[in-house]
Amino acid sequence: MCGRGLSGFVSAASGLAAVLLAGCARTPVAPPAGNPLAFYEAGRFAEARAAASNAVARADAAYGGDHPAVAAAINRLALLNRKMGRYDAAADGFARAVALLEKRMPETQLQLAATLNNKAELYRLRDDAAAALPLYRRSLDLFQAKLGTNHAHVAAVLCNVGTLYRGQGDAAESESYLRRALATYERAAGPEHAETAKALTALGELYREQGRFAEAEDVFQRALDIRRIALGFNHPLTAGTLNNLALLYAAQGRYHDAVRRGRQALAARQKSLGPQHPQVAADLHTLAWVHGRRGDLRLAESLYVRAIEIREQAYGADHPSLAEDYRNLAELYYAQDKPHEAAAALRREIAVRRQAAHPTPLLAAALNNLGLVLMSRGNLAEAEPLLRRALEIRDADPASPGRETAAVLRNLAKLYRRTDRPHLATECEERAEGLLDMEY
């Protein structure tokens, strides 16, 4: 994770949503009345949103509708809506803030740059790279024009762009931007500064996904050393690095090490944030995944269920972060021969993923998986439209891997054979084989 988080929580007078501080959570304290940042850090998200909404109304009354202070308050509210998965409300807020700031250029240049970055992060979370990239680039241009190339704000945007390309599967472009971000953080803040650990963490995530495990461990360990010294062992960001190491070790089959690091991450975040904070749910999710990989299916199931309860209590039942919990829980149910429970979890995953700006490969995967579960129960009539929709999404995405499309085609072929449509089944099988031949 790079320059996202509650970067907009600054005083209205400063005008700048400080992306330098993005993602840095503090140990929760009793929230001062009306302070949205303190409410957020205490895990009291509904109160944080209400306080941020009130701040917009107060700024509007005090300064007038087109003042930069109003834009700053709107930006803060939009950031909270984004964090809570209220993406449409966040998009409206960022659009309004950008429009207000554009009117006051060039005096609002830094504030506009930060708000454009925040808006771009929203589109990245919605898997809309085409909308996000122009916003990132303009944010970067504005920051560099005002602050130069060796500034932490510049590094934060570079890191976000690198994370975007990683999500798009463009490893080369991602690594290029993340290395630029790391070099910029090192020049701006120093090689041992907590900000530098952000780029190291993002690089580690990329290396892990590529199977470059030794390199990933090196950068994660460096990030952990930095955060332990700069922030303390129980800081949420330190816990995040422990979580990353747990995932890395699990990917290598080092389950004992993965559980040890996962438990350290969970203990640290519970101590600093409290047991009901959604960041704690992230650690429960990781431990569940690790235990599932090592065959402890019942323990994994209980951890996923707990993670879901925490996220739903904090954010509501349709938050985007719940989709992966439901997907993994469905896999566990299916492995335990619980098709009814698996289907219910997949339906919840699909409901969450359908909130995205456009159909995504992850939605296609969920539709395919639900179709498979329904086929296993003999419910072919309901399975067919799900599989056909999954295929439509795959076909509409030129970047979709051929093997993924082939998997859907093979499942459709099985369904067609079971429903006495051999010609359609043969067509799907032949097309699947052709796609697989193209990949090798």
Protein backbone atom coordinates (compact mmCIF):
# COMPACT_ATOMS: atom_id res chain seq x y z
CA MET A 1 0.00 0.00 0.00
CA CYS A 2 1.33 3.39 -0.97
CA GLY A 3 -0.12 6.85 -0.83
CA ARG A 4 -3.70 6.09 0.03
CA GLY A 5 -5.49 6.11 3.37
CA LEU A 6 -6.80 9.13 5.27
CA SER A 7 -4.48 11.59 3.58
CA GLY A 8 -7.18 14.26 3.42
CA PHE A 9 -7.53 14.73 7.16
CA VAL A 10 -5.73 18.04 7.55
CA SER A 11 -6.92 21.36 8.83
CA ALA A 12 -8.92 23.44 6.39
CA ALA A 13 -6.40 26.22 6.72
CA SER A 14 -3.55 24.12 5.35
CA GLY A 15 -5.45 23.32 2.17
CA LEU A 16 -3.19 20.38 1.27
CA ALA A 17 -4.36 16.79 1.61
CA ALA A 18 -0.99 15.47 2.73
CA VAL A 19 -0.43 12.29 0.77
CA LEU A 20 2.92 12.02 2.54
CA LEU A 21 1.07 10.76 5.59
CA ALA A 22 -1.19 8.38 3.72
CA GLY A 23 -1.87 5.10 5.44
CA CYS A 24 -0.27 6.03 8.76
CA ALA A 25 -2.72 4.96 11.47
CA ARG A 26 -2.19 5.93 15.08
CA THR A 27 -3.01 4.18 18.32
CA PRO A 28 -6.68 4.95 19.01
CA VAL A 29 -7.55 7.40 21.73
CA ALA A 30 -10.84 8.76 23.00
CA PRO A 31 -12.09 10.82 20.04
CA PRO A 32 -12.55 14.54 20.61
CA ALA A 33 -16.06 15.66 19.85
CA GLY A 34 -16.58 16.08 16.12
CA ASN A 35 -13.07 14.98 15.09
CA PRO A 36 -13.52 12.65 12.07
CA LEU A 37 -9.90 11.47 12.03
CA ALA A 38 -9.97 10.38 15.67
CA PHE A 39 -13.28 8.63 15.15
CA TYR A 40 -11.82 6.77 12.17
CA GLU A 41 -8.71 5.68 14.05
CA ALA A 42 -10.92 4.39 16.86
CA GLY A 43 -12.85 2.27 14.34
CA ARG A 44 -16.01 4.36 14.76
CA PHE A 45 -16.66 4.82 11.07
CA ALA A 46 -20.29 5.94 11.07
CA GLU A 47 -19.42 8.69 13.55
CA ALA A 48 -16.38 9.64 11.47
CA ARG A 49 -18.56 10.03 8.39
CA ALA A 50 -21.14 12.09 10.29
CA ALA A 51 -18.41 14.36 11.67
CA ALA A 52 -16.93 14.80 8.19
CA SER A 53 -20.37 15.66 6.77
CA ASN A 54 -20.83 18.25 9.49
CA ALA A 55 -17.41 19.70 8.68
CA VAL A 56 -18.50 20.27 5.07
CA ALA A 57 -21.59 22.14 6.22
CA ARG A 58 -19.56 24.28 8.65
CA ALA A 59 -16.94 25.14 6.05
CA ASP A 60 -19.62 26.06 3.53
CA ALA A 61 -21.33 28.33 6.06
CA ALA A 62 -18.08 29.95 7.17
CA TYR A 63 -16.29 30.45 3.84
CA GLY A 64 -18.83 30.15 1.03
CA GLY A 65 -19.33 27.35 -1.45
CA ASP A 66 -16.27 27.90 -3.66
CA HIS A 67 -13.57 28.35 -1.00
CA PRO A 68 -10.59 25.91 -0.85
CA ALA A 69 -11.55 25.13 2.75
CA VAL A 70 -14.85 23.75 1.49
CA ALA A 71 -13.01 21.63 -1.07
CA ALA A 72 -10.73 20.30 1.68
CA ALA A 73 -13.72 19.28 3.79
CA ILE A 74 -15.43 17.64 0.82
CA ASN A 75 -12.20 15.76 0.01
CA ARG A 76 -12.03 14.42 3.58
CA LEU A 77 -15.62 13.21 3.39
CA ALA A 78 -14.96 11.58 0.01
CA LEU A 79 -11.92 9.78 1.45
CA LEU A 80 -14.06 8.35 4.24
CA ASN A 81 -16.73 7.27 1.77
CA ARG A 82 -14.05 5.56 -0.32
CA LYS A 83 -12.68 3.75 2.72
CA MET A 84 -16.16 2.60 3.68
CA GLY A 85 -16.87 1.28 0.17
CA ARG A 86 -19.36 4.04 -0.68
CA TYR A 87 -17.75 4.51 -4.05
CA ASP A 88 -20.51 6.46 -5.80
CA ALA A 89 -20.67 9.00 -2.98
CA ALA A 90 -16.87 9.23 -2.98
CA ALA A 91 -16.79 9.83 -6.73
CA ASP A 92 -19.33 12.64 -6.42
CA GLY A 93 -17.32 14.23 -3.60
CA PHE A 94 -13.99 14.10 -5.40
CA ALA A 95 -15.56 15.53 -8.57
CA ARG A 96 -17.02 18.43 -6.61
CA ALA A 97 -13.75 19.10 -4.78
CA VAL A 98 -11.73 19.04 -8.02
CA ALA A 99 -14.17 21.45 -9.70
CA LEU A 100 -13.89 23.91 -6.79
CA LEU A 101 -10.09 23.74 -6.74
CA GLU A 102 -9.79 24.18 -10.51
CA LYS A 103 -11.50 27.57 -10.14
CA ARG A 104 -8.79 28.80 -7.74
CA MET A 105 -5.72 27.61 -9.65
CA PRO A 106 -2.81 28.21 -9.34
CA GLU A 107 -3.17 29.03 -5.62
CA THR A 108 -4.69 25.59 -5.00
CA GLN A 109 -2.11 23.63 -7.01
CA LEU A 110 -0.93 21.34 -4.21
CA GLN A 111 -4.42 20.75 -2.87
CA LEU A 112 -5.65 19.93 -6.36
CA ALA A 113 -2.73 17.54 -6.94
CA ALA A 114 -3.56 15.63 -3.75
CA THR A 115 -7.28 15.50 -4.53
CA LEU A 116 -6.60 14.19 -8.04
CA ASN A 117 -4.44 11.45 -6.51
CA ASN A 118 -7.26 10.56 -4.11
CA LYS A 119 -9.75 10.44 -6.95
CA ALA A 120 -7.40 8.26 -8.98
CA GLU A 121 -7.13 5.84 -6.06
CA LEU A 122 -10.92 5.49 -6.12
CA TYR A 123 -10.83 4.48 -9.78
CA ARG A 124 -7.98 2.06 -9.10
CA LEU A 125 -10.03 0.39 -6.39
CA ARG A 126 -12.88 0.12 -8.89
CA ASP A 127 -10.56 -1.58 -11.41
CA ASP A 128 -10.86 1.35 -13.81
CA ALA A 129 -7.26 1.91 -14.84
CA ALA A 130 -8.24 3.95 -17.89
CA ALA A 131 -9.86 6.57 -15.66
CA ALA A 132 -7.21 6.44 -12.94
CA LEU A 133 -4.03 6.88 -15.00
CA PRO A 134 -4.75 10.38 -16.40
CA LEU A 135 -5.58 11.60 -12.89
CA TYR A 136 -2.37 10.15 -11.46
CA ARG A 137 -0.33 11.72 -14.24
CA ARG A 138 -1.83 15.16 -13.76
CA SER A 139 -1.36 14.87 -9.99
CA LEU A 140 2.27 13.93 -10.57
CA ASP A 141 2.80 16.85 -12.97
CA LEU A 142 1.31 19.35 -10.51
CA PHE A 143 3.36 18.06 -7.58
CA GLN A 144 6.59 18.02 -9.58
CA ALA A 145 6.01 21.51 -10.95
CA LYS A 146 5.55 22.90 -7.45
CA LEU A 147 7.81 20.71 -5.32
CA GLY A 148 10.39 19.25 -7.70
CA THR A 149 11.02 15.60 -8.42
CA ASN A 150 12.58 14.66 -5.06
CA HIS A 151 9.61 15.05 -2.76
CA ALA A 152 7.68 12.47 -0.76
CA HIS A 153 4.36 13.58 -2.32
CA VAL A 154 5.83 12.73 -5.74
CA ALA A 155 7.01 9.37 -4.40
CA ALA A 156 3.53 8.60 -3.05
CA VAL A 157 1.91 9.10 -6.45
CA LEU A 158 4.63 7.05 -8.19
CA CYS A 159 3.96 4.27 -5.69
CA ASN A 160 0.24 4.39 -6.39
CA VAL A 161 0.82 4.15 -10.14
CA GLY A 162 3.11 1.17 -9.58
CA THR A 163 0.40 -0.50 -7.51
CA LEU A 164 -2.12 0.17 -10.30
CA TYR A 165 0.10 -1.53 -12.89
CA ARG A 166 0.62 -4.48 -10.55
CA GLY A 167 -3.13 -4.92 -10.33
CA GLN A 168 -3.29 -4.83 -14.13
CA GLY A 169 -0.69 -7.60 -14.40
CA ASP A 170 1.97 -5.34 -15.94
CA ALA A 171 4.88 -6.39 -13.74
CA ALA A 172 7.58 -4.56 -15.71
CA GLU A 173 5.81 -1.20 -15.60
CA SER A 174 4.87 -1.74 -11.97
CA GLU A 175 8.46 -2.44 -10.93
CA SER A 176 9.71 0.59 -12.84
CA TYR A 177 7.35 2.96 -11.01
CA LEU A 178 7.90 1.32 -7.63
CA ARG A 179 11.67 1.56 -7.96
CA ARG A 180 11.31 5.23 -8.89
CA ALA A 181 9.09 5.70 -5.84
CA LEU A 182 11.64 3.98 -3.59
CA ALA A 183 14.52 6.10 -4.89
CA THR A 184 12.45 9.27 -4.46
CA TYR A 185 11.43 8.38 -0.90
CA GLU A 186 15.07 7.62 -0.04
CA ARG A 187 16.20 11.01 -1.36
CA ALA A 188 13.30 12.94 0.17
CA ALA A 189 12.93 11.27 3.56
CA GLY A 190 16.00 9.06 3.95
CA PRO A 191 16.62 5.31 3.53
CA GLU A 192 15.51 4.50 7.10
CA HIS A 193 12.38 6.66 7.20
CA ALA A 194 8.94 5.13 7.70
CA GLU A 195 7.78 6.63 4.39
CA THR A 196 10.45 4.65 2.54
CA ALA A 197 8.94 1.43 3.90
CA LYS A 198 5.80 2.09 1.83
CA ALA A 199 7.61 1.59 -1.46
CA LEU A 200 9.52 -1.38 -0.06
CA THR A 201 6.24 -3.01 0.92
CA ALA A 202 4.73 -2.44 -2.51
CA LEU A 203 7.83 -3.91 -4.17
CA GLY A 204 7.65 -6.92 -1.89
CA GLU A 205 4.04 -7.55 -2.87
CA LEU A 206 5.02 -7.44 -6.55
CA TYR A 207 7.96 -9.80 -6.05
CA ARG A 208 5.78 -12.24 -4.08
CA GLU A 209 3.23 -12.36 -6.88
CA GLN A 210 6.04 -13.04 -9.38
CA GLY A 211 7.47 -15.85 -7.29
CA ARG A 212 10.64 -13.85 -6.55
CA PHE A 213 10.50 -14.98 -2.95
CA ALA A 214 14.06 -14.22 -1.87
CA GLU A 215 13.82 -10.64 -3.15
CA ALA A 216 10.40 -10.23 -1.55
CA GLU A 217 11.69 -11.41 1.82
CA ASP A 218 14.63 -9.00 1.63
CA VAL A 219 12.49 -5.93 1.01
CA PHE A 220 9.78 -6.97 3.51
CA GLN A 221 12.44 -7.53 6.16
CA ARG A 222 13.95 -4.13 5.45
CA ALA A 223 10.50 -2.53 5.71
CA LEU A 224 9.90 -4.37 8.98
CA ASP A 225 13.21 -3.19 10.45
CA ILE A 226 12.43 0.40 9.46
CA ARG A 227 8.93 0.35 10.91
CA ARG A 228 9.93 -1.33 14.15
CA ILE A 229 12.46 1.42 14.83
CA ALA A 230 10.47 4.36 13.48
CA LEU A 231 6.97 3.40 14.62
CA GLY A 232 7.25 0.63 17.18
CA PHE A 233 6.48 -3.09 17.09
CA ASN A 234 2.75 -2.69 17.78
CA HIS A 235 2.07 0.01 15.21
CA PRO A 236 -0.56 -0.99 12.61
CA LEU A 237 1.90 -0.44 9.75
CA THR A 238 4.47 -2.68 11.42
CA ALA A 239 1.72 -5.27 11.79
CA GLY A 240 0.98 -4.87 8.09
CA THR A 241 4.55 -5.83 7.23
CA LEU A 242 4.32 -8.87 9.50
CA ASN A 243 1.14 -9.79 7.63
CA ASN A 244 2.98 -9.50 4.32
CA LEU A 245 5.71 -11.81 5.57
CA ALA A 246 3.06 -14.32 6.67
CA LEU A 247 1.60 -14.36 3.15
CA LEU A 248 5.06 -14.72 1.65
CA TYR A 249 5.99 -17.66 3.86
CA ALA A 250 2.67 -19.39 3.14
CA ALA A 251 3.26 -19.01 -0.61
CA GLN A 252 6.54 -20.91 -0.08
CA GLY A 253 4.94 -23.62 2.03
CA ARG A 254 6.67 -22.33 5.18
CA TYR A 255 3.49 -22.63 7.22
CA HIS A 256 5.08 -22.59 10.67
CA ASP A 257 6.79 -19.28 9.90
CA ALA A 258 3.62 -17.96 8.28
CA VAL A 259 1.47 -18.72 11.34
CA ARG A 260 4.07 -17.17 13.67
CA ARG A 261 4.20 -13.92 11.71
CA GLY A 262 0.44 -13.88 11.22
CA ARG A 263 -0.16 -14.21 14.94
CA GLN A 264 2.35 -11.42 15.65
CA ALA A 265 0.50 -9.16 13.20
CA LEU A 266 -2.86 -9.99 14.77
CA ALA A 267 -1.62 -9.37 18.31
CA ALA A 268 -0.02 -6.06 17.34
CA ARG A 269 -3.12 -4.68 15.64
CA GLN A 270 -5.46 -5.88 18.36
CA LYS A 271 -3.29 -4.08 20.89
CA SER A 272 -3.05 -0.84 18.93
CA LEU A 273 -6.50 -0.69 17.31
CA GLY A 274 -8.75 -2.94 19.37
CA PRO A 275 -10.27 -6.34 18.49
CA GLN A 276 -13.12 -4.98 16.35
CA HIS A 277 -11.11 -2.83 13.93
CA PRO A 278 -11.27 -3.90 10.25
CA GLN A 279 -7.48 -3.97 10.03
CA VAL A 280 -7.69 -6.80 12.55
CA ALA A 281 -9.99 -8.55 10.08
CA ALA A 282 -7.19 -8.40 7.51
CA ASP A 283 -4.90 -10.33 9.85
CA LEU A 284 -7.64 -12.86 10.60
CA HIS A 285 -8.11 -13.28 6.84
CA THR A 286 -4.41 -13.98 6.36
CA LEU A 287 -4.31 -16.51 9.18
CA ALA A 288 -7.41 -18.17 7.76
CA TRP A 289 -5.76 -18.43 4.35
CA VAL A 290 -2.61 -19.92 5.86
CA HIS A 291 -4.52 -22.50 7.90
CA GLY A 292 -6.59 -23.37 4.85
CA ARG A 293 -3.42 -23.98 2.83
CA ARG A 294 -2.06 -26.30 5.49
CA GLY A 295 -5.34 -28.25 5.68
CA ASP A 296 -6.79 -26.86 8.93
CA LEU A 297 -10.13 -26.22 7.25
CA ARG A 298 -12.35 -25.84 10.31
CA LEU A 299 -9.98 -23.37 11.95
CA ALA A 300 -9.69 -21.46 8.68
CA GLU A 301 -13.48 -21.35 8.39
CA SER A 302 -13.89 -19.90 11.88
CA LEU A 303 -11.28 -17.21 11.18
CA TYR A 304 -12.93 -16.18 7.90
CA VAL A 305 -16.31 -15.98 9.63
CA ARG A 306 -14.82 -13.76 12.33
CA ALA A 307 -13.16 -11.50 9.74
CA ILE A 308 -16.48 -11.13 7.92
CA GLU A 309 -18.30 -10.25 11.14
CA ILE A 310 -15.79 -7.49 11.92
CA ARG A 311 -15.89 -5.99 8.43
CA GLU A 312 -19.69 -6.09 8.26
CA GLN A 313 -19.98 -4.42 11.65
CA ALA A 314 -17.53 -1.70 10.64
CA TYR A 315 -18.51 -1.09 7.02
CA GLY A 316 -21.80 -2.80 6.26
CA ALA A 317 -22.57 -5.97 4.33
CA ASP A 318 -21.53 -4.77 0.86
CA HIS A 319 -18.02 -3.43 1.43
CA PRO A 320 -15.59 -4.43 -1.35
CA SER A 321 -13.13 -5.95 1.14
CA LEU A 322 -15.68 -8.67 1.93
CA ALA A 323 -15.53 -10.19 -1.56
CA GLU A 324 -12.28 -12.04 -1.00
CA ASP A 325 -13.44 -13.28 2.41
CA TYR A 326 -16.54 -14.77 0.82
CA ARG A 327 -14.58 -16.28 -2.07
CA ASN A 328 -12.10 -18.05 0.21
CA LEU A 329 -14.84 -19.13 2.59
CA ALA A 330 -16.73 -20.66 -0.34
CA GLU A 331 -13.62 -22.63 -1.35
CA LEU A 332 -13.35 -23.99 2.19
CA TYR A 333 -17.01 -25.01 2.25
CA TYR A 334 -16.67 -26.72 -1.12
CA ALA A 335 -13.57 -28.60 0.06
CA GLN A 336 -15.57 -29.79 3.08
CA ASP A 337 -18.43 -31.01 0.86
CA LYS A 338 -20.77 -28.23 1.96
CA PRO A 339 -22.20 -27.10 -1.39
CA HIS A 340 -25.17 -25.24 0.10
CA GLU A 341 -22.90 -23.10 2.28
CA ALA A 342 -20.46 -22.63 -0.61
CA ALA A 343 -23.24 -21.40 -2.88
CA ALA A 344 -24.45 -18.93 -0.24
CA ALA A 345 -20.94 -17.49 0.20
CA LEU A 346 -20.48 -17.19 -3.56
CA ARG A 347 -23.79 -15.37 -3.92
CA ARG A 348 -22.58 -12.85 -1.36
CA GLU A 349 -19.28 -12.48 -3.22
CA ILE A 350 -21.10 -11.87 -6.48
CA ALA A 351 -23.38 -9.27 -4.89
CA VAL A 352 -20.34 -7.36 -3.65
CA ARG A 353 -18.38 -7.62 -6.91
CA ARG A 354 -21.33 -6.43 -8.98
CA GLN A 355 -20.93 -3.01 -7.37
CA ALA A 356 -17.75 -2.40 -9.39
CA ALA A 357 -17.83 0.21 -12.15
CA HIS A 358 -17.74 -2.52 -14.79
CA PRO A 359 -17.62 -6.34 -14.82
CA THR A 360 -14.24 -7.64 -13.71
CA PRO A 361 -12.37 -10.94 -14.10
CA LEU A 362 -12.98 -11.56 -10.39
CA LEU A 363 -16.72 -11.32 -11.00
CA ALA A 364 -16.35 -13.78 -13.88
CA ALA A 365 -14.48 -16.17 -11.59
CA ALA A 366 -17.20 -15.93 -8.93
CA LEU A 367 -19.95 -16.58 -11.49
CA ASN A 368 -18.01 -19.57 -12.82
CA ASN A 369 -17.48 -20.95 -9.32
CA LEU A 370 -21.14 -20.61 -8.40
CA GLY A 371 -22.05 -22.31 -11.65
CA LEU A 372 -19.78 -25.23 -10.74
CA VAL A 373 -21.28 -25.57 -7.28
CA LEU A 374 -24.80 -25.53 -8.68
CA MET A 375 -23.83 -28.14 -11.27
CA SER A 376 -22.54 -30.37 -8.48
CA ARG A 377 -26.00 -30.15 -6.89
CA GLY A 378 -27.74 -30.90 -10.20
CA ASN A 379 -29.13 -27.39 -10.58
CA LEU A 380 -28.18 -27.07 -14.24
CA ALA A 381 -30.86 -24.57 -15.22
CA GLU A 382 -29.54 -21.98 -12.75
CA ALA A 383 -25.89 -22.77 -13.49
CA GLU A 384 -26.10 -22.18 -17.24
CA PRO A 385 -26.76 -18.40 -17.28
CA LEU A 386 -24.02 -17.91 -14.69
CA LEU A 387 -21.46 -19.73 -16.83
CA ARG A 388 -22.59 -17.94 -19.98
CA ARG A 389 -22.25 -14.56 -18.24
CA ALA A 390 -18.80 -15.52 -16.97
CA LEU A 391 -17.80 -16.33 -20.55
CA GLU A 392 -19.17 -13.00 -21.81
CA ILE A 393 -17.05 -11.11 -19.28
CA ARG A 394 -13.94 -13.09 -20.20
CA ASP A 395 -14.54 -12.57 -23.93
CA ALA A 396 -15.00 -8.82 -23.46
CA ASP A 397 -11.62 -8.51 -21.71
CA PRO A 398 -8.72 -8.73 -24.18
CA ALA A 399 -6.29 -9.12 -21.28
CA SER A 400 -8.10 -12.15 -19.84
CA PRO A 401 -5.74 -15.16 -19.76
CA GLY A 402 -6.70 -17.84 -22.26
CA ARG A 403 -6.57 -20.56 -19.62
CA GLU A 404 -9.22 -18.74 -17.55
CA THR A 405 -11.55 -18.44 -20.52
CA ALA A 406 -10.83 -22.07 -21.40
CA ALA A 407 -11.84 -23.16 -17.89
CA VAL A 408 -15.26 -21.52 -18.29
CA LEU A 409 -15.67 -23.07 -21.74
CA ARG A 410 -14.90 -26.54 -20.38
CA ASN A 411 -17.45 -26.10 -17.62
CA LEU A 412 -20.05 -25.03 -20.16
CA ALA A 413 -19.16 -28.06 -22.28
CA LYS A 414 -19.82 -30.35 -19.30
CA LEU A 415 -23.17 -28.66 -18.73
CA TYR A 416 -24.14 -28.98 -22.41
CA ARG A 417 -23.28 -32.69 -22.41
CA ARG A 418 -25.36 -33.24 -19.29
CA THR A 419 -28.29 -31.46 -20.97
CA ASP A 420 -27.97 -33.45 -24.23
CA ARG A 421 -26.52 -30.68 -26.39
CA PRO A 422 -23.40 -32.39 -27.78
CA HIS A 423 -22.83 -29.96 -30.65
CA LEU A 424 -22.59 -26.98 -28.30
CA ALA A 425 -20.36 -28.99 -25.98
CA THR A 426 -17.99 -29.85 -28.83
CA GLU A 427 -17.80 -26.20 -29.91
CA CYS A 428 -16.82 -25.15 -26.37
CA GLU A 429 -14.25 -27.94 -26.06
CA GLU A 430 -12.62 -27.11 -29.38
CA ARG A 431 -12.47 -23.42 -28.55
CA ALA A 432 -10.96 -24.18 -25.13
CA GLU A 433 -8.27 -26.34 -26.70
CA GLY A 434 -7.48 -23.58 -29.17
CA LEU A 435 -7.03 -21.03 -26.40
CA LEU A 436 -4.73 -23.34 -24.46
CA ASP A 437 -2.67 -24.05 -27.59
CA MET A 438 -2.16 -20.28 -28.05
CA GLU A 439 -0.69 -19.96 -24.54
CA TYR A 440 2.09 -22.50 -25.04
